[in-house]
Amino acid sequence: PAVERIKQRCLPDGIDMPLLEEFDFSGTAEAARHRLLTSKIERGPQAVSEGDGDDSDEVEDDGSNVVAEFYLKPTTKLREYQKIALAKIFAHGVARSGIVVLPCGAGKSLCGVAIAERMKRSTLVLCINNVSVDQWHGQFKMWTKLPPGALARCTADHKESWSDEYANGGVLITTYSMIGIHDDRRNNQGLDFMNFLRQHEWGCMILDEVHVVP
């Protein structure tokens, strides 16, 4: 029922933002990397877990909003149903938006991390509270080789930013409430944060617990 309500809200007579959008990255660095990773999926879970940069020489980086040094650790292994979810999202050489629905404890966070890693674009993760922000932060550290300077959290009490080395792209984790407050109620630090969000080009957005989005 919750998923159906989200679908209804996204219809043209609602917010008019379809759930299934496609990003055609044919001919770009992402397309080449997608083909490489697809071949790994076909070869099995061990191959999928080898996102350690060994194939980076085969892909020419187009330099557009790409997060450098963003790879899964060699020890990261996706389960079969997680690989199926990713295959649906990246089918036919395009990245499709949508909702990943899995039982509690089935590894939805790892799916989200793997999606962001494959996109290799600046990623915004929105969570329901500060605890979830910390959990997602831990998931990116656990499963990827993302440099610390490219991973940041932003809550009402604790604000981080990317290091100068990764100023053009990284992963930012924050809460729905942080972006939902009206600008009139923000202090200068909050306004700076929102200006950064609005001005930066985000290539991937992950909405945690999307069925309870305000």
C-alpha atoms as a PDB file:
ATOM      1  CA  PRO A   1       0.000   0.000   0.000  1.00  0.00           C
ATOM      2  CA  ALA A   2       2.775   2.461   0.836  1.00  0.00           C
ATOM      3  CA  VAL A   3       4.454   1.870  -2.516  1.00  0.00           C
ATOM      4  CA  GLU A   4       1.133   2.379  -4.295  1.00  0.00           C
ATOM      5  CA  ARG A   5       0.656   5.724  -2.535  1.00  0.00           C
ATOM      6  CA  ILE A   6       4.090   6.821  -3.744  1.00  0.00           C
ATOM      7  CA  LYS A   7       3.197   5.786  -7.296  1.00  0.00           C
ATOM      8  CA  GLN A   8      -0.028   7.795  -7.126  1.00  0.00           C
ATOM      9  CA  ARG A   9       1.769  10.899  -5.862  1.00  0.00           C
ATOM     10  CA  CYS A  10       4.184  10.718  -8.797  1.00  0.00           C
ATOM     11  CA  LEU A  11       1.442  10.757 -11.463  1.00  0.00           C
ATOM     12  CA  PRO A  12       0.923  13.828 -13.692  1.00  0.00           C
ATOM     13  CA  ASP A  13      -1.985  15.041 -11.550  1.00  0.00           C
ATOM     14  CA  GLY A  14       0.320  14.907  -8.508  1.00  0.00           C
ATOM     15  CA  ILE A  15       3.953  16.031  -8.441  1.00  0.00           C
ATOM     16  CA  ASP A  16       4.414  14.819 -12.044  1.00  0.00           C
ATOM     17  CA  MET A  17       7.742  13.087 -11.416  1.00  0.00           C
ATOM     18  CA  PRO A  18       7.633   9.587 -12.910  1.00  0.00           C
ATOM     19  CA  LEU A  19       9.227   6.807 -10.909  1.00  0.00           C
ATOM     20  CA  LEU A  20      10.833   5.248 -13.956  1.00  0.00           C
ATOM     21  CA  GLU A  21      13.281   7.645 -15.545  1.00  0.00           C
ATOM     22  CA  GLU A  22      16.170   6.444 -17.693  1.00  0.00           C
ATOM     23  CA  PHE A  23      19.654   7.891 -18.006  1.00  0.00           C
ATOM     24  CA  ASP A  24      21.177   6.868 -21.321  1.00  0.00           C
ATOM     25  CA  PHE A  25      24.914   6.854 -20.827  1.00  0.00           C
ATOM     26  CA  SER A  26      25.725   5.158 -24.150  1.00  0.00           C
ATOM     27  CA  GLY A  27      29.140   6.139 -25.400  1.00  0.00           C
ATOM     28  CA  THR A  28      30.274   7.565 -22.056  1.00  0.00           C
ATOM     29  CA  ALA A  29      32.676   6.212 -19.472  1.00  0.00           C
ATOM     30  CA  GLU A  30      29.729   4.870 -17.482  1.00  0.00           C
ATOM     31  CA  ALA A  31      28.487   2.864 -20.481  1.00  0.00           C
ATOM     32  CA  ALA A  32      31.848   1.210 -20.931  1.00  0.00           C
ATOM     33  CA  ARG A  33      32.057   0.435 -17.235  1.00  0.00           C
ATOM     34  CA  HIS A  34      28.497  -0.913 -17.313  1.00  0.00           C
ATOM     35  CA  ARG A  35      29.442  -3.367 -20.062  1.00  0.00           C
ATOM     36  CA  LEU A  36      32.442  -4.511 -18.053  1.00  0.00           C
ATOM     37  CA  LEU A  37      30.401  -5.008 -14.897  1.00  0.00           C
ATOM     38  CA  THR A  38      27.626  -6.765 -16.799  1.00  0.00           C
ATOM     39  CA  SER A  39      30.147  -9.302 -18.000  1.00  0.00           C
ATOM     40  CA  LYS A  40      31.262  -9.747 -14.397  1.00  0.00           C
ATOM     41  CA  ILE A  41      27.667 -10.382 -13.314  1.00  0.00           C
ATOM     42  CA  GLU A  42      27.367 -13.070 -15.957  1.00  0.00           C
ATOM     43  CA  ARG A  43      30.566 -14.694 -14.726  1.00  0.00           C
ATOM     44  CA  GLY A  44      29.346 -14.943 -11.135  1.00  0.00           C
ATOM     45  CA  PRO A  45      29.434 -13.323  -7.692  1.00  0.00           C
ATOM     46  CA  GLN A  46      33.211 -13.479  -7.317  1.00  0.00           C
ATOM     47  CA  ALA A  47      33.654 -11.403 -10.447  1.00  0.00           C
ATOM     48  CA  VAL A  48      31.058  -8.866  -9.308  1.00  0.00           C
ATOM     49  CA  SER A  49      32.913  -8.323  -6.047  1.00  0.00           C
ATOM     50  CA  GLU A  50      36.126  -7.379  -7.850  1.00  0.00           C
ATOM     51  CA  GLY A  51      35.330  -3.674  -8.191  1.00  0.00           C
ATOM     52  CA  ASP A  52      38.839  -2.788  -7.069  1.00  0.00           C
ATOM     53  CA  GLY A  53      39.886  -0.672 -10.014  1.00  0.00           C
ATOM     54  CA  ASP A  54      41.515  -3.401 -12.121  1.00  0.00           C
ATOM     55  CA  ASP A  55      39.413  -2.409 -15.131  1.00  0.00           C
ATOM     56  CA  SER A  56      39.917   1.349 -14.777  1.00  0.00           C
ATOM     57  CA  ASP A  57      42.448   1.461 -17.614  1.00  0.00           C
ATOM     58  CA  GLU A  58      39.786   0.151 -19.980  1.00  0.00           C
ATOM     59  CA  VAL A  59      37.489   3.130 -19.360  1.00  0.00           C
ATOM     60  CA  GLU A  60      38.301   6.680 -20.375  1.00  0.00           C
ATOM     61  CA  ASP A  61      36.974   9.030 -17.717  1.00  0.00           C
ATOM     62  CA  ASP A  62      34.964  11.842 -19.314  1.00  0.00           C
ATOM     63  CA  GLY A  63      35.655  14.028 -16.251  1.00  0.00           C
ATOM     64  CA  SER A  64      32.028  15.074 -15.845  1.00  0.00           C
ATOM     65  CA  ASN A  65      30.950  14.922 -12.202  1.00  0.00           C
ATOM     66  CA  VAL A  66      32.757  11.612 -11.698  1.00  0.00           C
ATOM     67  CA  VAL A  67      33.690  10.502  -8.178  1.00  0.00           C
ATOM     68  CA  ALA A  68      37.299   9.370  -8.351  1.00  0.00           C
ATOM     69  CA  GLU A  69      38.579   6.241  -6.604  1.00  0.00           C
ATOM     70  CA  PHE A  70      35.064   4.951  -5.935  1.00  0.00           C
ATOM     71  CA  TYR A  71      35.166   1.139  -6.045  1.00  0.00           C
ATOM     72  CA  LEU A  72      33.709  -1.757  -4.133  1.00  0.00           C
ATOM     73  CA  LYS A  73      36.200  -3.558  -1.936  1.00  0.00           C
ATOM     74  CA  PRO A  74      37.401  -6.945  -3.247  1.00  0.00           C
ATOM     75  CA  THR A  75      35.748  -8.558  -0.205  1.00  0.00           C
ATOM     76  CA  THR A  76      32.323  -7.095  -1.045  1.00  0.00           C
ATOM     77  CA  LYS A  77      30.062  -9.808  -2.438  1.00  0.00           C
ATOM     78  CA  LEU A  78      26.518  -9.332  -3.668  1.00  0.00           C
ATOM     79  CA  ARG A  79      23.917 -12.035  -3.169  1.00  0.00           C
ATOM     80  CA  GLU A  80      21.985 -13.366  -6.134  1.00  0.00           C
ATOM     81  CA  TYR A  81      18.829 -11.329  -5.450  1.00  0.00           C
ATOM     82  CA  GLN A  82      20.934  -8.183  -5.019  1.00  0.00           C
ATOM     83  CA  LYS A  83      22.567  -8.778  -8.384  1.00  0.00           C
ATOM     84  CA  ILE A  84      19.113  -9.239  -9.921  1.00  0.00           C
ATOM     85  CA  ALA A  85      18.022  -5.876  -8.487  1.00  0.00           C
ATOM     86  CA  LEU A  86      21.082  -4.166  -9.969  1.00  0.00           C
ATOM     87  CA  ALA A  87      20.594  -5.886 -13.309  1.00  0.00           C
ATOM     88  CA  LYS A  88      17.050  -4.477 -13.465  1.00  0.00           C
ATOM     89  CA  ILE A  89      18.299  -0.969 -12.728  1.00  0.00           C
ATOM     90  CA  PHE A  90      21.104  -1.070 -15.296  1.00  0.00           C
ATOM     91  CA  ALA A  91      19.381  -3.112 -17.990  1.00  0.00           C
ATOM     92  CA  HIS A  92      20.026  -2.328 -21.665  1.00  0.00           C
ATOM     93  CA  GLY A  93      22.852   0.115 -20.971  1.00  0.00           C
ATOM     94  CA  VAL A  94      20.770   2.744 -19.174  1.00  0.00           C
ATOM     95  CA  ALA A  95      20.333   3.570 -15.498  1.00  0.00           C
ATOM     96  CA  ARG A  96      16.682   3.372 -14.464  1.00  0.00           C
ATOM     97  CA  SER A  97      15.182   5.039 -11.427  1.00  0.00           C
ATOM     98  CA  GLY A  98      12.736   3.119  -9.287  1.00  0.00           C
ATOM     99  CA  ILE A  99      12.130   1.491  -5.912  1.00  0.00           C
ATOM    100  CA  VAL A 100      14.142  -1.432  -4.564  1.00  0.00           C
ATOM    101  CA  VAL A 101      11.855  -3.502  -2.340  1.00  0.00           C
ATOM    102  CA  LEU A 102      13.491  -6.200  -0.186  1.00  0.00           C
ATOM    103  CA  PRO A 103      12.713  -7.648   3.266  1.00  0.00           C
ATOM    104  CA  CYS A 104      14.280  -6.171   6.374  1.00  0.00           C
ATOM    105  CA  GLY A 105      17.868  -7.300   6.728  1.00  0.00           C
ATOM    106  CA  ALA A 106      18.148  -8.384   3.082  1.00  0.00           C
ATOM    107  CA  GLY A 107      20.805  -5.803   2.236  1.00  0.00           C
ATOM    108  CA  LYS A 108      19.005  -2.877   0.625  1.00  0.00           C
ATOM    109  CA  SER A 109      21.767  -0.554   1.818  1.00  0.00           C
ATOM    110  CA  LEU A 110      24.388  -2.602   0.021  1.00  0.00           C
ATOM    111  CA  CYS A 111      22.253  -2.408  -3.128  1.00  0.00           C
ATOM    112  CA  GLY A 112      22.202   1.374  -2.783  1.00  0.00           C
ATOM    113  CA  VAL A 113      25.958   1.520  -2.225  1.00  0.00           C
ATOM    114  CA  ALA A 114      26.545  -0.705  -5.271  1.00  0.00           C
ATOM    115  CA  ILE A 115      24.272   1.473  -7.418  1.00  0.00           C
ATOM    116  CA  ALA A 116      26.159   4.622  -6.410  1.00  0.00           C
ATOM    117  CA  GLU A 117      29.497   2.916  -7.015  1.00  0.00           C
ATOM    118  CA  ARG A 118      28.477   1.821 -10.487  1.00  0.00           C
ATOM    119  CA  MET A 119      27.162   5.284 -11.405  1.00  0.00           C
ATOM    120  CA  LYS A 120      30.368   6.909 -10.104  1.00  0.00           C
ATOM    121  CA  ARG A 121      28.603  10.245  -9.894  1.00  0.00           C
ATOM    122  CA  SER A 122      28.104  12.644  -7.009  1.00  0.00           C
ATOM    123  CA  THR A 123      25.580  10.908  -4.778  1.00  0.00           C
ATOM    124  CA  LEU A 124      23.055  12.398  -2.355  1.00  0.00           C
ATOM    125  CA  VAL A 125      21.621  10.008   0.247  1.00  0.00           C
ATOM    126  CA  LEU A 126      18.518  11.176   2.144  1.00  0.00           C
ATOM    127  CA  CYS A 127      17.629   9.458   5.422  1.00  0.00           C
ATOM    128  CA  ILE A 128      14.823   9.672   7.958  1.00  0.00           C
ATOM    129  CA  ASN A 129      17.001  10.559  10.979  1.00  0.00           C
ATOM    130  CA  ASN A 130      20.564  11.056  12.244  1.00  0.00           C
ATOM    131  CA  VAL A 131      20.935   7.395  13.213  1.00  0.00           C
ATOM    132  CA  SER A 132      20.259   6.350   9.624  1.00  0.00           C
ATOM    133  CA  VAL A 133      22.780   8.927   8.416  1.00  0.00           C
ATOM    134  CA  ASP A 134      25.459   7.311  10.579  1.00  0.00           C
ATOM    135  CA  GLN A 135      24.426   3.843   9.409  1.00  0.00           C
ATOM    136  CA  TRP A 136      24.696   4.769   5.731  1.00  0.00           C
ATOM    137  CA  HIS A 137      28.042   6.425   6.418  1.00  0.00           C
ATOM    138  CA  GLY A 138      29.206   3.155   7.933  1.00  0.00           C
ATOM    139  CA  GLN A 139      27.900   1.158   4.965  1.00  0.00           C
ATOM    140  CA  PHE A 140      29.914   3.193   2.457  1.00  0.00           C
ATOM    141  CA  LYS A 141      33.018   2.761   4.607  1.00  0.00           C
ATOM    142  CA  MET A 142      32.389  -0.964   5.031  1.00  0.00           C
ATOM    143  CA  TRP A 143      31.730  -1.920   1.404  1.00  0.00           C
ATOM    144  CA  THR A 144      33.739   0.556  -0.691  1.00  0.00           C
ATOM    145  CA  LYS A 145      37.164   2.086  -1.131  1.00  0.00           C
ATOM    146  CA  LEU A 146      35.673   5.577  -1.264  1.00  0.00           C
ATOM    147  CA  PRO A 147      38.300   7.992   0.119  1.00  0.00           C
ATOM    148  CA  PRO A 148      37.353   9.609   3.459  1.00  0.00           C
ATOM    149  CA  GLY A 149      37.594  13.043   1.865  1.00  0.00           C
ATOM    150  CA  ALA A 150      34.830  12.152  -0.604  1.00  0.00           C
ATOM    151  CA  LEU A 151      32.358  10.978   2.065  1.00  0.00           C
ATOM    152  CA  ALA A 152      30.467  13.496   4.219  1.00  0.00           C
ATOM    153  CA  ARG A 153      27.518  13.675   6.613  1.00  0.00           C
ATOM    154  CA  CYS A 154      25.322  16.668   7.259  1.00  0.00           C
ATOM    155  CA  THR A 155      22.801  16.863  10.111  1.00  0.00           C
ATOM    156  CA  ALA A 156      21.546  19.667  12.310  1.00  0.00           C
ATOM    157  CA  ASP A 157      24.266  18.970  14.872  1.00  0.00           C
ATOM    158  CA  HIS A 158      27.123  17.781  12.695  1.00  0.00           C
ATOM    159  CA  LYS A 159      28.122  19.154   9.291  1.00  0.00           C
ATOM    160  CA  GLU A 160      30.945  17.780   7.181  1.00  0.00           C
ATOM    161  CA  SER A 161      32.128  18.696   3.709  1.00  0.00           C
ATOM    162  CA  TRP A 162      34.250  17.030   1.069  1.00  0.00           C
ATOM    163  CA  SER A 163      37.955  17.759   1.130  1.00  0.00           C
ATOM    164  CA  ASP A 164      39.367  20.131  -1.492  1.00  0.00           C
ATOM    165  CA  GLU A 165      40.752  17.165  -3.423  1.00  0.00           C
ATOM    166  CA  TYR A 166      37.217  15.832  -3.989  1.00  0.00           C
ATOM    167  CA  ALA A 167      35.348  19.135  -4.149  1.00  0.00           C
ATOM    168  CA  ASN A 168      33.882  18.272  -7.568  1.00  0.00           C
ATOM    169  CA  GLY A 169      32.237  15.028  -6.490  1.00  0.00           C
ATOM    170  CA  GLY A 170      31.589  12.681  -3.614  1.00  0.00           C
ATOM    171  CA  VAL A 171      28.892  11.126  -1.445  1.00  0.00           C
ATOM    172  CA  LEU A 172      26.839  13.328   0.875  1.00  0.00           C
ATOM    173  CA  ILE A 173      24.462  11.802   3.430  1.00  0.00           C
ATOM    174  CA  THR A 174      21.814  13.942   5.111  1.00  0.00           C
ATOM    175  CA  THR A 175      18.210  13.825   6.316  1.00  0.00           C
ATOM    176  CA  TYR A 176      14.878  14.717   4.735  1.00  0.00           C
ATOM    177  CA  SER A 177      14.332  17.314   7.425  1.00  0.00           C
ATOM    178  CA  MET A 178      17.596  19.064   6.565  1.00  0.00           C
ATOM    179  CA  ILE A 179      16.346  19.858   3.069  1.00  0.00           C
ATOM    180  CA  GLY A 180      12.693  20.306   4.044  1.00  0.00           C
ATOM    181  CA  ILE A 181      13.129  23.331   6.301  1.00  0.00           C
ATOM    182  CA  HIS A 182      12.106  26.642   4.747  1.00  0.00           C
ATOM    183  CA  ASP A 183      15.038  28.977   4.100  1.00  0.00           C
ATOM    184  CA  ASP A 184      13.525  31.627   6.398  1.00  0.00           C
ATOM    185  CA  ARG A 185      14.185  29.294   9.335  1.00  0.00           C
ATOM    186  CA  ARG A 186      17.819  28.533   8.463  1.00  0.00           C
ATOM    187  CA  ASN A 187      20.930  30.091   9.943  1.00  0.00           C
ATOM    188  CA  ASN A 188      23.847  31.121   7.732  1.00  0.00           C
ATOM    189  CA  GLN A 189      25.417  27.681   7.924  1.00  0.00           C
ATOM    190  CA  GLY A 190      22.143  26.077   6.879  1.00  0.00           C
ATOM    191  CA  LEU A 191      21.749  28.486   3.974  1.00  0.00           C
ATOM    192  CA  ASP A 192      25.280  27.697   2.790  1.00  0.00           C
ATOM    193  CA  PHE A 193      24.406  23.999   2.880  1.00  0.00           C
ATOM    194  CA  MET A 194      21.277  24.473   0.790  1.00  0.00           C
ATOM    195  CA  ASN A 195      23.100  26.669  -1.717  1.00  0.00           C
ATOM    196  CA  PHE A 196      25.654  23.911  -2.133  1.00  0.00           C
ATOM    197  CA  LEU A 197      22.916  21.311  -2.715  1.00  0.00           C
ATOM    198  CA  ARG A 198      21.188  23.490  -5.301  1.00  0.00           C
ATOM    199  CA  GLN A 199      24.319  24.430  -7.195  1.00  0.00           C
ATOM    200  CA  HIS A 200      25.964  21.016  -7.308  1.00  0.00           C
ATOM    201  CA  GLU A 201      25.100  18.561 -10.067  1.00  0.00           C
ATOM    202  CA  TRP A 202      23.944  15.290  -8.510  1.00  0.00           C
ATOM    203  CA  GLY A 203      24.197  12.165 -10.621  1.00  0.00           C
ATOM    204  CA  CYS A 204      22.613   9.736  -8.163  1.00  0.00           C
ATOM    205  CA  MET A 205      20.066  10.170  -5.386  1.00  0.00           C
ATOM    206  CA  ILE A 206      19.201   7.469  -2.865  1.00  0.00           C
ATOM    207  CA  LEU A 207      16.025   7.873  -0.787  1.00  0.00           C
ATOM    208  CA  ASP A 208      16.184   5.657   2.282  1.00  0.00           C
ATOM    209  CA  GLU A 209      12.852   4.395   3.664  1.00  0.00           C
ATOM    210  CA  VAL A 210      11.125   6.159   0.768  1.00  0.00           C
ATOM    211  CA  HIS A 211       7.684   4.913   1.868  1.00  0.00           C
ATOM    212  CA  VAL A 212       7.794   7.260   4.872  1.00  0.00           C
ATOM    213  CA  VAL A 213       9.022  10.356   3.033  1.00  0.00           C
ATOM    214  CA  PRO A 214       7.278  13.462   4.478  1.00  0.00           C
END
